[in-house]
Amino acid sequence: MAKRQVFFSFEYNKDCWRASEVRNMGKVDNSSTFSDNDWEEVKEKTDKKIKEWIDSQMAKRSCLVVLIGETTSGRKWINYEINKAYELNKGIVGIHIHKLKDNNGNQTNKGNNPFYNIYIGSNNERLSKFITCFDSIYETSKYVYDDIKENIEQLIEDAINNKDNY
């Protein structure tokens, strides 16, 4: 299976450490993983410039992977990225990362489903009806990491194959 180019969406301030753990698993195409310096640079831009950057990056990707932390759901840029991926007919998948330890060795509480308050189509259905949110059955950070690493490629493939169903 070829490594996919994906766009990782996550709350930078609270989850950049956990997100970098997932981004650096070696399971997606290297062009999918931006350095922390890239993220720092982007977040300093104007809203218009941030949208342009997201749009240009999203256009090159086959799937949006939302890394769901405790406070990811409902955030402005996460919602924008989800809506943009939907608009561009990209695969979309969520992965809960709250049980991965941060740089201080802490886990957090499970966050709400970020797809729940996004409505799509003429029937105005919740996007959460169609999107998988992977949540490891394990509690220990190391096992959660291994579980995500073992499943992320298939989750991405399933999301890409499912994109025409929403």
N, C-alpha and C. Protein backbone atom coordinates (compact mmCIF):
# COMPACT_ATOMS: atom_id res chain seq x y z
N MET A 1 0.85 -1.18 0.00
CA MET A 1 0.00 0.00 0.00
C MET A 1 0.89 1.24 0.00
N ALA A 2 0.65 2.13 -0.95
CA ALA A 2 1.43 3.36 -1.03
C ALA A 2 1.06 4.29 0.11
N LYS A 3 2.03 5.01 0.58
CA LYS A 3 1.77 5.99 1.64
C LYS A 3 0.98 7.15 1.04
N ARG A 4 -0.08 7.53 1.71
CA ARG A 4 -0.96 8.59 1.24
C ARG A 4 -0.48 9.96 1.68
N GLN A 5 -0.83 10.96 0.87
CA GLN A 5 -0.60 12.34 1.26
C GLN A 5 -1.87 12.79 2.00
N VAL A 6 -1.70 13.16 3.24
CA VAL A 6 -2.85 13.57 4.04
C VAL A 6 -2.61 14.95 4.63
N PHE A 7 -3.69 15.56 5.06
CA PHE A 7 -3.62 16.84 5.77
C PHE A 7 -4.01 16.54 7.21
N PHE A 8 -3.11 16.83 8.14
CA PHE A 8 -3.40 16.64 9.56
C PHE A 8 -3.99 17.91 10.13
N SER A 9 -5.14 17.76 10.76
CA SER A 9 -5.82 18.88 11.41
C SER A 9 -5.81 18.62 12.92
N PHE A 10 -5.37 19.62 13.69
CA PHE A 10 -5.30 19.44 15.14
C PHE A 10 -5.18 20.81 15.80
N GLU A 11 -5.49 20.85 17.08
CA GLU A 11 -5.36 22.09 17.83
C GLU A 11 -3.90 22.27 18.20
N TYR A 12 -3.28 23.25 17.60
CA TYR A 12 -1.83 23.41 17.73
C TYR A 12 -1.38 23.60 19.18
N ASN A 13 -1.97 24.54 19.88
CA ASN A 13 -1.46 24.90 21.21
C ASN A 13 -1.50 23.75 22.21
N LYS A 14 -2.53 22.94 22.16
CA LYS A 14 -2.67 21.88 23.16
C LYS A 14 -2.18 20.52 22.68
N ASP A 15 -2.17 20.29 21.38
CA ASP A 15 -1.92 18.95 20.89
C ASP A 15 -0.75 18.81 19.92
N CYS A 16 0.09 19.83 19.80
CA CYS A 16 1.17 19.74 18.81
C CYS A 16 2.12 18.57 19.13
N TRP A 17 2.37 18.29 20.40
CA TRP A 17 3.26 17.18 20.76
C TRP A 17 2.64 15.85 20.34
N ARG A 18 1.37 15.66 20.72
CA ARG A 18 0.68 14.41 20.36
C ARG A 18 0.58 14.28 18.83
N ALA A 19 0.27 15.38 18.18
CA ALA A 19 0.15 15.37 16.72
C ALA A 19 1.48 15.01 16.06
N SER A 20 2.58 15.52 16.59
CA SER A 20 3.88 15.21 16.00
C SER A 20 4.21 13.73 16.19
N GLU A 21 3.74 13.14 17.29
CA GLU A 21 3.93 11.70 17.49
C GLU A 21 3.26 10.92 16.35
N VAL A 22 2.04 11.31 16.02
CA VAL A 22 1.30 10.62 14.95
C VAL A 22 1.89 10.95 13.59
N ARG A 23 2.19 12.21 13.36
CA ARG A 23 2.73 12.62 12.06
C ARG A 23 4.05 11.93 11.76
N ASN A 24 4.82 11.61 12.79
CA ASN A 24 6.15 11.03 12.59
C ASN A 24 6.18 9.51 12.70
N MET A 25 5.03 8.87 12.60
CA MET A 25 4.98 7.40 12.66
C MET A 25 5.55 6.75 11.40
N GLY A 26 5.69 7.53 10.33
CA GLY A 26 6.20 6.98 9.08
C GLY A 26 5.14 6.25 8.27
N LYS A 27 3.88 6.53 8.54
CA LYS A 27 2.79 5.81 7.87
C LYS A 27 2.12 6.60 6.76
N VAL A 28 2.50 7.86 6.61
CA VAL A 28 1.95 8.67 5.53
C VAL A 28 3.11 9.25 4.73
N ASP A 29 2.80 9.74 3.54
CA ASP A 29 3.81 10.33 2.68
C ASP A 29 4.51 11.48 3.42
N ASN A 30 5.81 11.58 3.27
CA ASN A 30 6.58 12.61 3.98
C ASN A 30 6.10 14.03 3.72
N SER A 31 5.51 14.26 2.55
CA SER A 31 5.04 15.61 2.25
C SER A 31 3.83 15.99 3.10
N SER A 32 3.26 15.02 3.81
CA SER A 32 2.12 15.27 4.68
C SER A 32 2.54 15.86 6.02
N THR A 33 3.80 15.73 6.34
CA THR A 33 4.25 16.14 7.66
C THR A 33 5.06 17.41 7.57
N PHE A 34 4.48 18.47 8.07
CA PHE A 34 5.15 19.76 8.08
C PHE A 34 5.97 19.86 9.36
N SER A 35 7.02 20.60 9.31
CA SER A 35 7.82 20.78 10.53
C SER A 35 7.07 21.69 11.49
N ASP A 36 7.43 21.63 12.75
CA ASP A 36 6.80 22.51 13.73
C ASP A 36 7.05 23.98 13.37
N ASN A 37 8.17 24.28 12.73
CA ASN A 37 8.44 25.65 12.29
C ASN A 37 7.41 26.10 11.26
N ASP A 38 7.02 25.19 10.36
CA ASP A 38 5.99 25.52 9.36
C ASP A 38 4.68 25.88 10.06
N TRP A 39 4.30 25.08 11.04
CA TRP A 39 3.06 25.34 11.78
C TRP A 39 3.14 26.68 12.49
N GLU A 40 4.28 26.95 13.12
CA GLU A 40 4.46 28.22 13.84
C GLU A 40 4.30 29.40 12.89
N GLU A 41 4.89 29.27 11.71
CA GLU A 41 4.85 30.34 10.72
C GLU A 41 3.42 30.59 10.25
N VAL A 42 2.68 29.52 9.99
CA VAL A 42 1.32 29.65 9.49
C VAL A 42 0.42 30.33 10.51
N LYS A 43 0.54 29.95 11.77
CA LYS A 43 -0.40 30.50 12.76
C LYS A 43 -0.18 31.98 13.03
N GLU A 44 0.93 32.54 12.55
CA GLU A 44 1.19 33.97 12.71
C GLU A 44 0.57 34.81 11.59
N LYS A 45 0.00 34.18 10.59
CA LYS A 45 -0.52 34.89 9.42
C LYS A 45 -1.94 35.43 9.66
N THR A 46 -2.40 36.25 8.73
CA THR A 46 -3.77 36.76 8.77
C THR A 46 -4.73 35.63 8.42
N ASP A 47 -6.01 35.82 8.76
CA ASP A 47 -7.02 34.81 8.43
C ASP A 47 -7.03 34.48 6.94
N LYS A 48 -6.93 35.52 6.12
CA LYS A 48 -6.94 35.31 4.66
C LYS A 48 -5.75 34.43 4.24
N LYS A 49 -4.58 34.73 4.78
CA LYS A 49 -3.37 33.96 4.43
C LYS A 49 -3.46 32.53 4.96
N ILE A 50 -4.03 32.35 6.15
CA ILE A 50 -4.19 31.00 6.71
C ILE A 50 -5.13 30.19 5.81
N LYS A 51 -6.24 30.80 5.39
CA LYS A 51 -7.17 30.10 4.49
C LYS A 51 -6.48 29.72 3.19
N GLU A 52 -5.72 30.63 2.62
CA GLU A 52 -5.00 30.35 1.37
C GLU A 52 -4.03 29.18 1.56
N TRP A 53 -3.33 29.16 2.71
CA TRP A 53 -2.38 28.08 2.97
C TRP A 53 -3.12 26.76 3.12
N ILE A 54 -4.20 26.74 3.91
CA ILE A 54 -4.99 25.52 4.09
C ILE A 54 -5.51 25.04 2.74
N ASP A 55 -6.09 25.95 1.96
CA ASP A 55 -6.65 25.58 0.66
C ASP A 55 -5.60 24.97 -0.26
N SER A 56 -4.42 25.57 -0.31
CA SER A 56 -3.37 25.06 -1.21
C SER A 56 -2.85 23.71 -0.73
N GLN A 57 -2.72 23.54 0.58
CA GLN A 57 -2.24 22.26 1.11
C GLN A 57 -3.30 21.17 0.94
N MET A 58 -4.54 21.50 1.22
CA MET A 58 -5.63 20.53 1.13
C MET A 58 -5.81 20.03 -0.30
N ALA A 59 -5.61 20.91 -1.27
CA ALA A 59 -5.79 20.53 -2.68
C ALA A 59 -4.84 19.40 -3.09
N LYS A 60 -3.69 19.31 -2.43
CA LYS A 60 -2.68 18.30 -2.78
C LYS A 60 -2.89 16.96 -2.07
N ARG A 61 -3.83 16.89 -1.16
CA ARG A 61 -3.98 15.73 -0.29
C ARG A 61 -5.19 14.88 -0.67
N SER A 62 -5.13 13.62 -0.33
CA SER A 62 -6.26 12.74 -0.62
C SER A 62 -7.17 12.55 0.60
N CYS A 63 -6.69 12.94 1.78
CA CYS A 63 -7.47 12.69 2.99
C CYS A 63 -7.15 13.72 4.07
N LEU A 64 -8.18 14.07 4.84
CA LEU A 64 -8.03 14.90 6.03
C LEU A 64 -8.06 13.97 7.24
N VAL A 65 -7.02 14.05 8.07
CA VAL A 65 -6.97 13.28 9.31
C VAL A 65 -7.08 14.28 10.46
N VAL A 66 -8.22 14.26 11.16
CA VAL A 66 -8.42 15.16 12.28
C VAL A 66 -7.95 14.44 13.54
N LEU A 67 -6.91 14.98 14.17
CA LEU A 67 -6.39 14.41 15.40
C LEU A 67 -7.15 15.07 16.55
N ILE A 68 -7.99 14.30 17.20
CA ILE A 68 -8.97 14.83 18.14
C ILE A 68 -8.43 14.80 19.57
N GLY A 69 -8.18 15.99 20.08
CA GLY A 69 -7.78 16.15 21.47
C GLY A 69 -8.97 16.60 22.30
N GLU A 70 -8.69 16.97 23.53
CA GLU A 70 -9.74 17.32 24.48
C GLU A 70 -10.58 18.51 24.01
N THR A 71 -9.97 19.50 23.38
CA THR A 71 -10.69 20.73 23.01
C THR A 71 -10.63 21.03 21.51
N THR A 72 -10.50 19.99 20.69
CA THR A 72 -10.41 20.16 19.23
C THR A 72 -11.75 20.59 18.63
N SER A 73 -12.81 19.94 19.06
CA SER A 73 -14.13 20.14 18.46
C SER A 73 -14.59 21.59 18.56
N GLY A 74 -15.10 22.10 17.43
CA GLY A 74 -15.68 23.44 17.40
C GLY A 74 -14.69 24.57 17.17
N ARG A 75 -13.43 24.26 17.04
CA ARG A 75 -12.43 25.31 16.84
C ARG A 75 -12.53 25.83 15.40
N LYS A 76 -12.35 27.10 15.24
CA LYS A 76 -12.51 27.80 13.97
C LYS A 76 -11.75 27.13 12.81
N TRP A 77 -10.45 26.91 12.97
CA TRP A 77 -9.67 26.38 11.85
C TRP A 77 -9.90 24.90 11.63
N ILE A 78 -10.20 24.17 12.69
CA ILE A 78 -10.55 22.75 12.53
C ILE A 78 -11.83 22.66 11.69
N ASN A 79 -12.84 23.46 12.05
CA ASN A 79 -14.09 23.48 11.28
C ASN A 79 -13.84 23.88 9.84
N TYR A 80 -13.00 24.88 9.63
CA TYR A 80 -12.70 25.31 8.26
C TYR A 80 -12.07 24.16 7.47
N GLU A 81 -11.11 23.47 8.09
CA GLU A 81 -10.42 22.37 7.41
C GLU A 81 -11.38 21.22 7.10
N ILE A 82 -12.27 20.91 8.02
CA ILE A 82 -13.25 19.85 7.78
C ILE A 82 -14.17 20.24 6.62
N ASN A 83 -14.69 21.46 6.67
CA ASN A 83 -15.58 21.92 5.59
C ASN A 83 -14.87 21.96 4.24
N LYS A 84 -13.61 22.38 4.24
CA LYS A 84 -12.83 22.43 3.00
C LYS A 84 -12.62 21.02 2.44
N ALA A 85 -12.28 20.07 3.31
CA ALA A 85 -12.09 18.68 2.86
C ALA A 85 -13.39 18.12 2.28
N TYR A 86 -14.50 18.42 2.93
CA TYR A 86 -15.81 17.97 2.43
C TYR A 86 -16.09 18.59 1.06
N GLU A 87 -15.88 19.90 0.96
CA GLU A 87 -16.11 20.63 -0.28
C GLU A 87 -15.27 20.06 -1.43
N LEU A 88 -14.03 19.66 -1.13
CA LEU A 88 -13.11 19.12 -2.15
C LEU A 88 -13.25 17.61 -2.34
N ASN A 89 -14.22 17.00 -1.66
CA ASN A 89 -14.47 15.55 -1.76
C ASN A 89 -13.24 14.72 -1.38
N LYS A 90 -12.63 15.09 -0.27
CA LYS A 90 -11.48 14.34 0.25
C LYS A 90 -11.98 13.31 1.25
N GLY A 91 -11.21 12.26 1.46
CA GLY A 91 -11.51 11.34 2.54
C GLY A 91 -11.35 12.10 3.86
N ILE A 92 -12.16 11.75 4.85
CA ILE A 92 -12.09 12.40 6.16
C ILE A 92 -12.16 11.33 7.23
N VAL A 93 -11.25 11.40 8.20
CA VAL A 93 -11.26 10.47 9.32
C VAL A 93 -10.81 11.21 10.58
N GLY A 94 -11.30 10.77 11.72
CA GLY A 94 -10.88 11.33 13.00
C GLY A 94 -10.12 10.28 13.80
N ILE A 95 -9.12 10.71 14.54
CA ILE A 95 -8.38 9.81 15.43
C ILE A 95 -8.24 10.51 16.78
N HIS A 96 -8.80 9.89 17.81
CA HIS A 96 -8.69 10.45 19.16
C HIS A 96 -7.25 10.27 19.66
N ILE A 97 -6.66 11.38 20.14
CA ILE A 97 -5.27 11.34 20.59
C ILE A 97 -5.12 11.72 22.06
N HIS A 98 -6.22 11.86 22.78
CA HIS A 98 -6.18 12.32 24.17
C HIS A 98 -5.43 11.38 25.11
N LYS A 99 -5.33 10.09 24.73
CA LYS A 99 -4.65 9.13 25.60
C LYS A 99 -3.15 9.03 25.31
N LEU A 100 -2.69 9.73 24.27
CA LEU A 100 -1.24 9.83 24.05
C LEU A 100 -0.70 10.85 25.05
N LYS A 101 0.45 10.58 25.60
CA LYS A 101 1.05 11.53 26.54
C LYS A 101 1.61 12.73 25.79
N ASP A 102 1.54 13.90 26.44
CA ASP A 102 2.17 15.09 25.87
C ASP A 102 3.62 15.18 26.34
N ASN A 103 4.30 16.27 26.04
CA ASN A 103 5.71 16.39 26.38
C ASN A 103 5.95 16.42 27.89
N ASN A 104 4.89 16.62 28.68
CA ASN A 104 5.02 16.57 30.14
C ASN A 104 4.57 15.24 30.71
N GLY A 105 4.24 14.29 29.83
CA GLY A 105 3.83 12.97 30.28
C GLY A 105 2.37 12.87 30.70
N ASN A 106 1.55 13.85 30.28
CA ASN A 106 0.14 13.87 30.69
C ASN A 106 -0.79 13.43 29.57
N GLN A 107 -1.84 12.72 29.98
CA GLN A 107 -2.95 12.43 29.09
C GLN A 107 -4.06 13.43 29.43
N THR A 108 -5.08 13.53 28.55
CA THR A 108 -6.19 14.43 28.82
C THR A 108 -7.50 13.68 28.69
N ASN A 109 -8.59 14.39 28.83
CA ASN A 109 -9.92 13.81 28.68
C ASN A 109 -10.28 13.70 27.20
N LYS A 110 -11.17 12.78 26.91
CA LYS A 110 -11.63 12.59 25.54
C LYS A 110 -12.40 13.82 25.07
N GLY A 111 -12.10 14.28 23.87
CA GLY A 111 -12.79 15.43 23.29
C GLY A 111 -14.06 15.03 22.55
N ASN A 112 -14.91 16.00 22.33
CA ASN A 112 -16.15 15.77 21.57
C ASN A 112 -15.85 15.51 20.10
N ASN A 113 -16.78 14.87 19.43
CA ASN A 113 -16.65 14.57 18.01
C ASN A 113 -16.71 15.88 17.21
N PRO A 114 -15.64 16.24 16.51
CA PRO A 114 -15.60 17.51 15.77
C PRO A 114 -16.51 17.54 14.54
N PHE A 115 -17.05 16.39 14.15
CA PHE A 115 -17.90 16.32 12.97
C PHE A 115 -19.38 16.46 13.32
N TYR A 116 -19.69 16.43 14.60
CA TYR A 116 -21.08 16.42 15.07
C TYR A 116 -21.83 17.70 14.73
N ASN A 117 -21.18 18.84 14.85
CA ASN A 117 -21.87 20.12 14.61
C ASN A 117 -21.64 20.68 13.21
N ILE A 118 -21.24 19.82 12.29
CA ILE A 118 -21.08 20.23 10.90
C ILE A 118 -22.16 19.51 10.09
N TYR A 119 -22.98 20.31 9.42
CA TYR A 119 -24.13 19.78 8.68
C TYR A 119 -23.83 19.81 7.19
N ILE A 120 -24.25 18.74 6.51
CA ILE A 120 -23.95 18.62 5.08
C ILE A 120 -25.20 18.23 4.27
N GLY A 121 -25.11 18.51 3.00
CA GLY A 121 -26.12 18.04 2.05
C GLY A 121 -27.45 18.74 2.17
N SER A 122 -28.34 18.40 1.25
CA SER A 122 -29.66 19.03 1.21
C SER A 122 -30.52 18.61 2.40
N ASN A 123 -30.21 17.47 3.00
CA ASN A 123 -30.95 17.00 4.18
C ASN A 123 -30.39 17.56 5.48
N ASN A 124 -29.30 18.34 5.37
CA ASN A 124 -28.67 18.93 6.55
C ASN A 124 -28.35 17.89 7.61
N GLU A 125 -27.71 16.81 7.19
CA GLU A 125 -27.34 15.74 8.12
C GLU A 125 -26.00 16.05 8.78
N ARG A 126 -25.83 15.53 9.98
CA ARG A 126 -24.57 15.71 10.69
C ARG A 126 -23.47 14.91 9.99
N LEU A 127 -22.34 15.55 9.75
CA LEU A 127 -21.22 14.85 9.11
C LEU A 127 -20.76 13.66 9.97
N SER A 128 -20.97 13.75 11.28
CA SER A 128 -20.55 12.66 12.19
C SER A 128 -21.23 11.34 11.86
N LYS A 129 -22.35 11.39 11.17
CA LYS A 129 -23.07 10.17 10.78
C LYS A 129 -22.23 9.34 9.79
N PHE A 130 -21.33 10.01 9.07
CA PHE A 130 -20.60 9.36 7.99
C PHE A 130 -19.12 9.15 8.26
N ILE A 131 -18.59 9.81 9.28
CA ILE A 131 -17.14 9.82 9.50
C ILE A 131 -16.75 8.93 10.67
N THR A 132 -15.74 8.11 10.45
CA THR A 132 -15.20 7.26 11.51
C THR A 132 -14.29 8.08 12.43
N CYS A 133 -14.45 7.87 13.73
CA CYS A 133 -13.53 8.45 14.71
C CYS A 133 -12.91 7.29 15.49
N PHE A 134 -11.67 7.02 15.19
CA PHE A 134 -10.96 5.93 15.83
C PHE A 134 -10.57 6.32 17.25
N ASP A 135 -10.89 5.45 18.20
CA ASP A 135 -10.53 5.67 19.59
C ASP A 135 -9.97 4.36 20.11
N SER A 136 -8.69 4.32 20.36
CA SER A 136 -8.03 3.09 20.79
C SER A 136 -8.70 2.52 22.05
N ILE A 137 -8.76 1.21 22.10
CA ILE A 137 -9.33 0.54 23.27
C ILE A 137 -8.36 0.57 24.45
N TYR A 138 -7.11 0.92 24.18
CA TYR A 138 -6.09 0.91 25.23
C TYR A 138 -6.08 2.21 26.02
N GLU A 139 -5.54 2.14 27.22
CA GLU A 139 -5.44 3.31 28.10
C GLU A 139 -4.01 3.81 28.22
N THR A 140 -3.03 2.91 28.09
CA THR A 140 -1.62 3.25 28.24
C THR A 140 -1.11 3.90 26.96
N SER A 141 -0.44 5.03 27.10
CA SER A 141 0.00 5.82 25.95
C SER A 141 0.77 4.98 24.93
N LYS A 142 1.69 4.15 25.38
CA LYS A 142 2.49 3.35 24.46
C LYS A 142 1.62 2.42 23.62
N TYR A 143 0.62 1.80 24.25
CA TYR A 143 -0.28 0.89 23.52
C TYR A 143 -1.20 1.67 22.58
N VAL A 144 -1.62 2.84 23.02
CA VAL A 144 -2.45 3.70 22.16
C VAL A 144 -1.64 4.09 20.91
N TYR A 145 -0.39 4.49 21.13
CA TYR A 145 0.50 4.84 20.02
C TYR A 145 0.62 3.67 19.04
N ASP A 146 0.91 2.48 19.56
CA ASP A 146 1.05 1.29 18.71
C ASP A 146 -0.24 0.98 17.96
N ASP A 147 -1.38 1.16 18.64
CA ASP A 147 -2.69 0.90 18.04
C ASP A 147 -2.95 1.87 16.88
N ILE A 148 -2.68 3.14 17.10
CA ILE A 148 -2.86 4.13 16.02
C ILE A 148 -1.91 3.79 14.87
N LYS A 149 -0.66 3.50 15.20
CA LYS A 149 0.33 3.20 14.16
C LYS A 149 -0.08 2.00 13.32
N GLU A 150 -0.66 1.01 13.98
CA GLU A 150 -1.07 -0.20 13.28
C GLU A 150 -2.30 0.02 12.40
N ASN A 151 -3.14 0.98 12.75
CA ASN A 151 -4.42 1.16 12.07
C ASN A 151 -4.52 2.37 11.16
N ILE A 152 -3.63 3.33 11.26
CA ILE A 152 -3.81 4.61 10.57
C ILE A 152 -3.88 4.46 9.04
N GLU A 153 -3.07 3.60 8.48
CA GLU A 153 -3.10 3.46 7.02
C GLU A 153 -4.46 2.94 6.54
N GLN A 154 -5.01 1.95 7.25
CA GLN A 154 -6.31 1.41 6.85
C GLN A 154 -7.42 2.41 7.10
N LEU A 155 -7.33 3.18 8.19
CA LEU A 155 -8.31 4.22 8.46
C LEU A 155 -8.34 5.25 7.32
N ILE A 156 -7.16 5.62 6.84
CA ILE A 156 -7.06 6.58 5.73
C ILE A 156 -7.64 5.98 4.46
N GLU A 157 -7.30 4.74 4.16
CA GLU A 157 -7.83 4.08 2.96
C GLU A 157 -9.35 3.99 3.02
N ASP A 158 -9.87 3.59 4.19
CA ASP A 158 -11.33 3.48 4.35
C ASP A 158 -11.99 4.84 4.16
N ALA A 159 -11.38 5.90 4.69
CA ALA A 159 -11.94 7.25 4.55
C ALA A 159 -11.98 7.67 3.09
N ILE A 160 -10.91 7.39 2.36
CA ILE A 160 -10.87 7.74 0.93
C ILE A 160 -11.92 6.95 0.16
N ASN A 161 -12.07 5.67 0.49
CA ASN A 161 -13.06 4.84 -0.19
C ASN A 161 -14.48 5.21 0.18
N ASN A 162 -14.67 5.86 1.33
CA ASN A 162 -16.00 6.22 1.83
C ASN A 162 -16.44 7.61 1.38
N LYS A 163 -15.56 8.40 0.81
CA LYS A 163 -15.85 9.84 0.58
C LYS A 163 -17.05 10.10 -0.31
N ASP A 164 -17.41 9.18 -1.15
CA ASP A 164 -18.56 9.41 -2.03
C ASP A 164 -19.88 9.05 -1.35
N ASN A 165 -19.81 8.58 -0.11
CA ASN A 165 -21.01 8.22 0.63
C ASN A 165 -21.55 9.33 1.53
N TYR A 166 -20.88 10.50 1.50
CA TYR A 166 -21.40 11.63 2.29
C TYR A 166 -21.43 12.89 1.48
